[in-house]
Amino acid sequence: MIWYVWNTRREKAKYGSRPEAGWLDVTKIVVGCAAIIAFVATMASYPNRAHADETGNAPGMGIGVPVLILIIVVSLLTFLANRTRFGRYVFAYGGNPEAAVLAGINTRRLLLLIFVLMGVLSALAAVIVTARLNAGTNSLGQLAELYVIAAAVIGGTSLAGGLGSVPGAVVGALIIQSLDNGMVLLDVSSAKRQIIIGLVLIGAVWLDVVYTKRQTT
């Protein structure tokens, strides 16, 4: 977190852009580090009874392997999106496909690589789910498009294209999944859950449209 904030300030200074206020960066570091420490402490607080000693004391469970895989994947994809030519091409194509073609980007090859990347991520998710459930099914994830779109929009991805981030999409997915799990615990029917998620998506799209209009005026 400290390196990220420092590197951001250095990059802005390198290109002559005015960096953010120092107190704001300090706040980001303090809040970010506190969130990371709290997350790790929470994960380590769950006792692992399978490895308890003779006195009954059990070590912490630690961070689950799927969570570690998620952190690694998010880090790699964030680097790919923000620090490589491929990532810049993806944002350019999402913002304006015609302009991307006129700029000389091989959009057909770009789309092929995007689908390949999605295939690799889907395969990785399938391995994790199969290992967790000890079973496999070819219908997992069907009719989840509404949740995926809502998570992406809530995470800051613009439906107009050209704007978004990988960590934001993950945060949006956590929010949507938390909302859905809460409604399941409240015994809300499946149809009503989809209606509520749809209303959340409509609200997020409306906010995105309002924000885009303000940015362009």
Protein backbone atom coordinates (compact mmCIF):
# COMPACT_ATOMS: atom_id res chain seq x y z
CA MET A 1 0.00 0.00 0.00
CA ILE A 2 2.84 2.39 0.88
CA TRP A 3 4.68 1.56 -2.35
CA TYR A 4 1.50 2.04 -4.41
CA VAL A 5 0.80 5.51 -3.01
CA TRP A 6 4.45 6.56 -3.34
CA ASN A 7 4.68 5.24 -6.91
CA THR A 8 1.48 7.07 -7.87
CA ARG A 9 2.85 10.37 -6.59
CA ARG A 10 6.13 9.75 -8.41
CA GLU A 11 4.37 8.99 -11.70
CA LYS A 12 2.26 12.15 -11.45
CA ALA A 13 5.34 14.25 -10.71
CA LYS A 14 7.19 12.61 -13.60
CA TYR A 15 4.56 13.71 -16.12
CA GLY A 16 4.01 17.14 -14.61
CA SER A 17 0.64 16.32 -13.06
CA ARG A 18 -0.24 17.81 -9.72
CA PRO A 19 -0.22 15.11 -7.00
CA GLU A 20 -2.94 14.83 -4.42
CA ALA A 21 -2.66 16.46 -1.02
CA GLY A 22 -0.21 14.83 1.35
CA TRP A 23 -2.79 14.31 4.08
CA LEU A 24 -5.01 12.45 1.61
CA ASP A 25 -2.22 10.03 0.70
CA VAL A 26 -1.41 9.51 4.38
CA THR A 27 -5.10 8.74 5.01
CA LYS A 28 -5.08 6.22 2.17
CA ILE A 29 -2.03 4.49 3.63
CA VAL A 30 -3.41 4.38 7.17
CA VAL A 31 -6.87 3.16 6.15
CA GLY A 32 -5.49 0.68 3.62
CA CYS A 33 -2.92 -0.82 5.98
CA ALA A 34 -5.49 -1.02 8.78
CA ALA A 35 -7.91 -2.85 6.47
CA ILE A 36 -5.22 -5.32 5.40
CA ILE A 37 -4.13 -6.00 8.99
CA ALA A 38 -7.75 -6.39 10.13
CA PHE A 39 -8.46 -8.83 7.29
CA VAL A 40 -5.42 -10.99 8.07
CA ALA A 41 -6.15 -10.90 11.81
CA THR A 42 -9.75 -11.97 11.22
CA MET A 43 -8.71 -14.86 9.00
CA ALA A 44 -6.12 -16.01 11.52
CA SER A 45 -8.58 -15.83 14.44
CA TYR A 46 -10.60 -18.85 13.26
CA PRO A 47 -9.16 -21.90 15.11
CA ASN A 48 -7.98 -24.93 13.14
CA ARG A 49 -9.26 -27.76 15.36
CA ALA A 50 -7.65 -30.40 13.16
CA HIS A 51 -4.21 -29.24 14.35
CA ALA A 52 -4.97 -28.65 18.04
CA ASP A 53 -2.33 -29.65 20.58
CA GLU A 54 -2.73 -31.72 23.75
CA THR A 55 -4.04 -28.74 25.72
CA GLY A 56 -6.70 -27.96 23.13
CA ASN A 57 -5.04 -24.84 21.77
CA ALA A 58 -5.49 -24.62 18.00
CA PRO A 59 -3.56 -22.42 15.59
CA GLY A 60 -5.35 -19.98 13.35
CA MET A 61 -6.80 -21.14 10.07
CA GLY A 62 -5.12 -18.32 8.20
CA ILE A 63 -6.16 -17.04 4.79
CA GLY A 64 -7.91 -19.61 2.60
CA VAL A 65 -6.19 -20.79 -0.56
CA PRO A 66 -9.02 -19.49 -2.82
CA VAL A 67 -8.59 -16.03 -1.27
CA LEU A 68 -4.84 -16.14 -1.91
CA ILE A 69 -5.50 -17.17 -5.51
CA LEU A 70 -7.94 -14.25 -5.84
CA ILE A 71 -5.36 -11.80 -4.52
CA ILE A 72 -2.74 -13.10 -6.95
CA VAL A 73 -5.13 -13.00 -9.92
CA VAL A 74 -6.34 -9.48 -9.08
CA SER A 75 -2.75 -8.27 -8.73
CA LEU A 76 -1.71 -9.78 -12.07
CA LEU A 77 -4.78 -8.48 -13.91
CA THR A 78 -4.37 -5.01 -12.40
CA PHE A 79 -0.79 -4.92 -13.65
CA LEU A 80 -1.96 -6.20 -17.03
CA ALA A 81 -4.67 -3.55 -17.29
CA ASN A 82 -2.64 -0.57 -16.09
CA ARG A 83 0.95 -1.29 -17.07
CA THR A 84 0.86 -3.08 -20.42
CA ARG A 85 0.01 -2.19 -23.99
CA PHE A 86 -2.66 -4.90 -24.01
CA GLY A 87 -4.47 -3.23 -21.13
CA ARG A 88 -4.41 0.17 -22.81
CA TYR A 89 -5.75 -1.39 -26.00
CA VAL A 90 -8.62 -3.01 -24.08
CA PHE A 91 -9.64 0.32 -22.55
CA ALA A 92 -9.33 2.02 -25.93
CA TYR A 93 -11.49 -0.58 -27.62
CA GLY A 94 -14.07 -0.41 -24.83
CA GLY A 95 -14.24 3.36 -25.06
CA ASN A 96 -14.59 3.60 -28.83
CA PRO A 97 -14.15 0.53 -31.09
CA GLU A 98 -14.14 2.59 -34.30
CA ALA A 99 -11.46 4.94 -32.98
CA ALA A 100 -9.39 1.94 -31.87
CA VAL A 101 -9.51 0.51 -35.40
CA LEU A 102 -8.53 3.86 -36.93
CA ALA A 103 -5.67 4.13 -34.42
CA GLY A 104 -4.16 0.95 -35.86
CA ILE A 105 -5.14 -1.53 -33.15
CA ASN A 106 -5.70 -5.08 -34.39
CA THR A 107 -9.13 -5.38 -32.79
CA ARG A 108 -9.82 -8.92 -34.03
CA ARG A 109 -6.64 -10.20 -32.40
CA LEU A 110 -7.43 -8.13 -29.30
CA LEU A 111 -10.89 -9.69 -28.96
CA LEU A 112 -9.39 -13.16 -29.42
CA LEU A 113 -6.89 -12.55 -26.62
CA ILE A 114 -9.66 -11.23 -24.36
CA PHE A 115 -11.72 -14.38 -24.91
CA VAL A 116 -8.63 -16.52 -24.26
CA LEU A 117 -8.03 -14.66 -21.00
CA MET A 118 -11.65 -15.15 -19.96
CA GLY A 119 -11.36 -18.85 -20.78
CA VAL A 120 -8.29 -19.18 -18.54
CA LEU A 121 -10.06 -17.36 -15.69
CA SER A 122 -13.19 -19.51 -16.12
CA ALA A 123 -11.06 -22.66 -16.01
CA LEU A 124 -9.34 -21.44 -12.84
CA ALA A 125 -12.70 -20.69 -11.22
CA ALA A 126 -13.98 -24.13 -12.25
CA VAL A 127 -11.00 -25.81 -10.60
CA ILE A 128 -11.56 -23.90 -7.36
CA VAL A 129 -15.30 -24.62 -7.26
CA THR A 130 -14.81 -28.29 -8.12
CA ALA A 131 -12.20 -28.68 -5.40
CA ARG A 132 -14.42 -26.91 -2.87
CA LEU A 133 -17.61 -28.86 -3.66
CA ASN A 134 -15.83 -32.13 -4.49
CA ALA A 135 -18.11 -32.34 -7.52
CA GLY A 136 -18.45 -30.81 -10.95
CA THR A 137 -21.41 -29.53 -12.91
CA ASN A 138 -21.76 -27.92 -16.32
CA SER A 139 -24.66 -25.67 -15.26
CA LEU A 140 -22.84 -23.70 -12.58
CA GLY A 141 -23.01 -19.97 -13.21
CA GLN A 142 -25.96 -20.06 -15.56
CA LEU A 143 -28.33 -17.09 -15.34
CA ALA A 144 -25.73 -15.20 -13.29
CA GLU A 145 -25.29 -12.50 -15.91
CA LEU A 146 -27.42 -10.02 -13.95
CA TYR A 147 -25.21 -10.39 -10.88
CA VAL A 148 -22.03 -10.07 -12.93
CA ILE A 149 -23.17 -6.89 -14.71
CA ALA A 150 -24.41 -5.37 -11.43
CA ALA A 151 -21.10 -6.18 -9.72
CA ALA A 152 -19.09 -4.61 -12.54
CA VAL A 153 -21.19 -1.42 -12.63
CA ILE A 154 -21.22 -1.03 -8.85
CA GLY A 155 -17.45 -1.53 -8.93
CA GLY A 156 -17.02 1.54 -11.14
CA THR A 157 -17.10 0.05 -14.64
CA SER A 158 -18.84 2.37 -17.08
CA LEU A 159 -21.34 0.82 -19.48
CA ALA A 160 -20.19 3.45 -21.98
CA GLY A 161 -16.77 1.78 -21.93
CA GLY A 162 -13.24 2.94 -21.31
CA LEU A 163 -13.51 3.15 -17.51
CA GLY A 164 -13.16 0.56 -14.78
CA SER A 165 -10.72 -1.40 -12.64
CA VAL A 166 -10.19 -4.98 -11.53
CA PRO A 167 -10.22 -4.28 -7.76
CA GLY A 168 -13.41 -2.25 -8.22
CA ALA A 169 -15.11 -5.19 -9.92
CA VAL A 170 -14.08 -7.45 -7.03
CA VAL A 171 -15.50 -4.98 -4.50
CA GLY A 172 -18.72 -4.82 -6.52
CA ALA A 173 -18.94 -8.62 -6.55
CA LEU A 174 -18.49 -8.71 -2.76
CA ILE A 175 -21.28 -6.16 -2.33
CA ILE A 176 -23.67 -8.02 -4.62
CA GLN A 177 -22.89 -11.39 -3.04
CA SER A 178 -23.30 -9.98 0.46
CA LEU A 179 -26.66 -8.51 -0.54
CA ASP A 180 -27.77 -11.79 -2.07
CA ASN A 181 -26.62 -13.86 0.92
CA GLY A 182 -28.40 -11.49 3.28
CA MET A 183 -31.65 -11.88 1.36
CA VAL A 184 -31.24 -15.67 1.42
CA LEU A 185 -30.87 -15.57 5.21
CA LEU A 186 -34.01 -13.40 5.37
CA ASP A 187 -35.83 -16.07 3.34
CA VAL A 188 -36.49 -13.78 0.38
CA SER A 189 -37.73 -15.69 -2.66
CA SER A 190 -35.52 -16.11 -5.71
CA ALA A 191 -37.77 -13.96 -7.90
CA LYS A 192 -37.76 -11.08 -5.41
CA ARG A 193 -33.98 -11.34 -5.01
CA GLN A 194 -33.52 -10.92 -8.76
CA ILE A 195 -35.90 -7.94 -8.77
CA ILE A 196 -33.94 -6.26 -5.96
CA ILE A 197 -30.61 -6.93 -7.67
CA GLY A 198 -32.10 -5.51 -10.89
CA LEU A 199 -33.18 -2.35 -9.06
CA VAL A 200 -29.69 -2.01 -7.62
CA LEU A 201 -28.28 -2.35 -11.15
CA ILE A 202 -30.69 0.29 -12.48
CA GLY A 203 -29.66 2.67 -9.71
CA ALA A 204 -25.96 2.07 -10.42
CA VAL A 205 -26.46 2.67 -14.15
CA TRP A 206 -28.40 5.86 -13.44
CA LEU A 207 -25.58 7.15 -11.23
CA ASP A 208 -23.07 6.21 -13.95
CA VAL A 209 -25.04 8.16 -16.57
CA VAL A 210 -25.33 11.21 -14.31
CA TYR A 211 -21.62 11.11 -13.52
CA THR A 212 -20.69 10.76 -17.18
CA LYS A 213 -22.86 13.73 -18.16
CA ARG A 214 -21.29 15.89 -15.47
CA GLN A 215 -17.82 14.92 -16.62
CA THR A 216 -18.56 15.83 -20.22
CA THR A 217 -20.26 19.18 -19.49
